[in-house]
Amino acid sequence: MLIGFAGAQDIHFTQYEFSPIHVNPAQTGAFNGSYRIGGIYRDQGRTAIKGAAYRTPMLYTDVTFPFALRKQDWTSLGLNIIDDRSGEIGLGSTKTAASAAYHFALDKMRRTVISLGAQYARATHNIKDAQDAVFPGNLLPTPNSGDNSKLQQKTSYSDISAGLSLSTKLGAKKLPLSLGVSVGHLNQPRVSLFSGAGGSDSKIKPLITANAGLEYPLNEKINLKPMLWFRNIAKPSEVITQCMGSYLLNAEKAIRLNAGLGYRFGDALQLMVGMDYGKVRAQLGYDHTISSLAQGQSPSGVGAVELGIMYTGIVVKKPNPKPKVFCPRF
């Protein structure tokens, strides 16, 4: 694998709904339930480089607590683990992030909630097979690159993020609306796998993420949910528009069939299909590349495949009423 600079990169997903804590720490505990467990796996560019692939598995969990300043508020804690690998040398990073959020309910029915969240992560950026690294200097007629001797196996750094989100219900139909914005890499950590390096080129710039979504019921069976995602780090930007449709197949068993289309501007068309079964949601996502990257793929345009799954649980406390003693009359 040819390397010019081994730095940190931010990953992206097709199905950001299955990576809520990764997108915005304010989403920690922003769900109806007591706890949530989920994960997503992305496999991208498997044929772009012979024998190489981009693999990103992620697991997360978050828990809600009733401890708060007011009765209608709540707090939450979460944990997110992600491993991102690319290329023949296994270049990538492993990150473990802990997040916390406070949810301010503006009314007792929690129709409008403002959430504030923060996240602290410890990341390790490394290379699994450094011996296979090839630098530009190695390709000269007389190889003279000294970069191999400077290459480190790994380096670690801390990463801090913060976020804000709003959920409310609009109009007489009480349409659920969600808005969010987060800023990652607030501390702008410096990352380099080269010994002696540490200039501005190894500093991770702040990552700004914004999202919006609105649920609209067409009838008793069918719901539509248009969504917009925006991510920006330094100059590169990513804009995604999506629309998911949901069909209620069985109300008694809470079975819904979900499908949707999306578009990552200038890059890929997206297709999502899945279902809800009670408290479990599972979904497949596929990116079809339409940019110049499609020329390096075989078959042309085959981009990324994702599998996301999520379970939301509720802890029900058993009632413990005080015993009543009835005295018989004589």
Foldseek 3Di string as FASTA:
>chain_A
DEDDFQAADDDDDPCCVQVVCVQALLCAVVDPAFKKKKKKWKWWDCQLDPPKIKIKIKIKMKGKDCDDPDRQKTKMKMKMWMWIFTDPFGWTKIKIKIKMKIWDQPDNVSQKIKMKMKMKMKMKTFTNRLVPYDYPQCPDPDRDDPQSVQFAGIDMDMKMKIKMKMWHFDDPVGKIKIKMKMKIRPVQDFDGRGPPDTDPVRTWAIKIKIKIKIWDAPDPFKIKIWMWIWIDTPPDIKIKIKMKMWGQPDPVQRKIWMWIWMDTPQFWIKIKTWMDGRQKTKMKMFTFTDHPSQVSDVVRRGTMIMIMMMGHHHDDDDDDDDDDDDDDDD
